[in-house]
């Protein structure tokens, strides 16, 4: 079942990879349609590769591990 807790738990498993590069992310919200909003912080917030990290890394990981996630969107 798709809940904020399952999304936050999964994000907690991917955060160490972002932190290793000086970045991080914060959970912002989960919409009923499965969109997850996160805020990239630290080095990730200003990195020119942030969109790729978000889509190719975070979104792919969440879709693979949390049934019901449809998209990950950066909140500003």
C-alpha atoms as a PDB file:
ATOM      1  CA  UNK A   1       0.000   0.000   0.000  1.00  0.00           C
ATOM      2  CA  UNK A   2       1.279   3.447  -0.921  1.00  0.00           C
ATOM      3  CA  UNK A   3       1.695   5.583   2.194  1.00  0.00           C
ATOM      4  CA  UNK A   4       3.946   8.437   3.250  1.00  0.00           C
ATOM      5  CA  UNK A   5       5.709   6.061   5.616  1.00  0.00           C
ATOM      6  CA  UNK A   6       6.605   3.577   2.859  1.00  0.00           C
ATOM      7  CA  UNK A   7       7.899   6.406   0.656  1.00  0.00           C
ATOM      8  CA  UNK A   8       9.934   7.930   3.501  1.00  0.00           C
ATOM      9  CA  UNK A   9      11.394   4.516   4.354  1.00  0.00           C
ATOM     10  CA  UNK A  10      12.484   3.986   0.747  1.00  0.00           C
ATOM     11  CA  UNK A  11      13.943   7.485   0.536  1.00  0.00           C
ATOM     12  CA  UNK A  12      15.923   6.705   3.665  1.00  0.00           C
ATOM     13  CA  UNK A  13      17.585   3.840   1.809  1.00  0.00           C
ATOM     14  CA  UNK A  14      18.718   6.042  -1.096  1.00  0.00           C
ATOM     15  CA  UNK A  15      19.742   9.121   0.931  1.00  0.00           C
ATOM     16  CA  UNK A  16      23.211   7.782   1.885  1.00  0.00           C
ATOM     17  CA  UNK A  17      24.188   7.717  -1.805  1.00  0.00           C
ATOM     18  CA  UNK A  18      23.240  11.381  -2.180  1.00  0.00           C
ATOM     19  CA  UNK A  19      24.914  12.298   1.103  1.00  0.00           C
ATOM     20  CA  UNK A  20      28.143  10.652  -0.033  1.00  0.00           C
ATOM     21  CA  UNK A  21      28.310  13.282  -2.789  1.00  0.00           C
ATOM     22  CA  UNK A  22      27.487  16.190  -0.462  1.00  0.00           C
ATOM     23  CA  UNK A  23      23.781  16.316  -1.238  1.00  0.00           C
ATOM     24  CA  UNK A  24      20.557  15.170   0.298  1.00  0.00           C
ATOM     25  CA  UNK A  25      16.818  15.239  -0.216  1.00  0.00           C
ATOM     26  CA  UNK A  26      13.778  16.001   1.864  1.00  0.00           C
ATOM     27  CA  UNK A  27      10.348  14.434   1.509  1.00  0.00           C
ATOM     28  CA  UNK A  28       7.747  17.146   0.833  1.00  0.00           C
ATOM     29  CA  UNK A  29       4.481  15.387  -0.002  1.00  0.00           C
ATOM     30  CA  UNK A  30       2.724  12.428  -1.554  1.00  0.00           C
ATOM     31  CA  UNK A  31      -0.236  13.083  -3.853  1.00  0.00           C
ATOM     32  CA  UNK A  32      -3.160  10.657  -4.224  1.00  0.00           C
ATOM     33  CA  UNK A  33      -2.117   9.961  -7.842  1.00  0.00           C
ATOM     34  CA  UNK A  34       1.255   8.573  -6.690  1.00  0.00           C
ATOM     35  CA  UNK A  35       3.384  11.667  -7.346  1.00  0.00           C
ATOM     36  CA  UNK A  36       6.088  12.137  -4.755  1.00  0.00           C
ATOM     37  CA  UNK A  37       7.444  15.647  -4.199  1.00  0.00           C
ATOM     38  CA  UNK A  38      10.960  15.996  -2.809  1.00  0.00           C
ATOM     39  CA  UNK A  39      13.389  18.853  -2.334  1.00  0.00           C
ATOM     40  CA  UNK A  40      17.001  18.318  -3.306  1.00  0.00           C
ATOM     41  CA  UNK A  41      19.372  20.022  -0.895  1.00  0.00           C
ATOM     42  CA  UNK A  42      23.085  20.529  -0.393  1.00  0.00           C
ATOM     43  CA  UNK A  43      25.229  19.856  -3.453  1.00  0.00           C
ATOM     44  CA  UNK A  44      22.224  18.237  -5.169  1.00  0.00           C
ATOM     45  CA  UNK A  45      20.223  21.457  -4.977  1.00  0.00           C
ATOM     46  CA  UNK A  46      22.580  23.344  -7.265  1.00  0.00           C
ATOM     47  CA  UNK A  47      24.037  20.509  -9.330  1.00  0.00           C
ATOM     48  CA  UNK A  48      23.482  20.681 -13.098  1.00  0.00           C
ATOM     49  CA  UNK A  49      22.839  16.915 -13.016  1.00  0.00           C
ATOM     50  CA  UNK A  50      20.071  17.242 -10.402  1.00  0.00           C
ATOM     51  CA  UNK A  51      17.274  16.440 -12.857  1.00  0.00           C
ATOM     52  CA  UNK A  52      19.033  13.295 -13.998  1.00  0.00           C
ATOM     53  CA  UNK A  53      19.689  12.269 -10.387  1.00  0.00           C
ATOM     54  CA  UNK A  54      16.040  12.825  -9.572  1.00  0.00           C
ATOM     55  CA  UNK A  55      14.591  10.968 -12.562  1.00  0.00           C
ATOM     56  CA  UNK A  56      17.205   8.280 -13.285  1.00  0.00           C
ATOM     57  CA  UNK A  57      18.097   7.643  -9.658  1.00  0.00           C
ATOM     58  CA  UNK A  58      15.451   8.565  -7.105  1.00  0.00           C
ATOM     59  CA  UNK A  59      12.373   8.086  -9.306  1.00  0.00           C
ATOM     60  CA  UNK A  60      13.555   4.784 -10.729  1.00  0.00           C
ATOM     61  CA  UNK A  61      14.417   3.483  -7.263  1.00  0.00           C
ATOM     62  CA  UNK A  62      11.054   4.495  -5.793  1.00  0.00           C
ATOM     63  CA  UNK A  63       9.065   3.058  -8.694  1.00  0.00           C
ATOM     64  CA  UNK A  64      10.963  -0.227  -8.327  1.00  0.00           C
ATOM     65  CA  UNK A  65      10.583  -0.484  -4.549  1.00  0.00           C
ATOM     66  CA  UNK A  66       7.284   1.241  -3.695  1.00  0.00           C
ATOM     67  CA  UNK A  67       4.244   0.053  -5.668  1.00  0.00           C
ATOM     68  CA  UNK A  68       2.014   2.951  -6.648  1.00  0.00           C
ATOM     69  CA  UNK A  69       4.655   5.641  -7.109  1.00  0.00           C
ATOM     70  CA  UNK A  70       4.030   7.203 -10.514  1.00  0.00           C
ATOM     71  CA  UNK A  71       6.519  10.075 -10.603  1.00  0.00           C
ATOM     72  CA  UNK A  72       9.022  11.971  -8.495  1.00  0.00           C
ATOM     73  CA  UNK A  73       8.904  15.743  -8.826  1.00  0.00           C
ATOM     74  CA  UNK A  74      11.277  18.339  -7.427  1.00  0.00           C
ATOM     75  CA  UNK A  75       9.572  20.836  -5.139  1.00  0.00           C
ATOM     76  CA  UNK A  76      11.058  24.311  -4.940  1.00  0.00           C
END
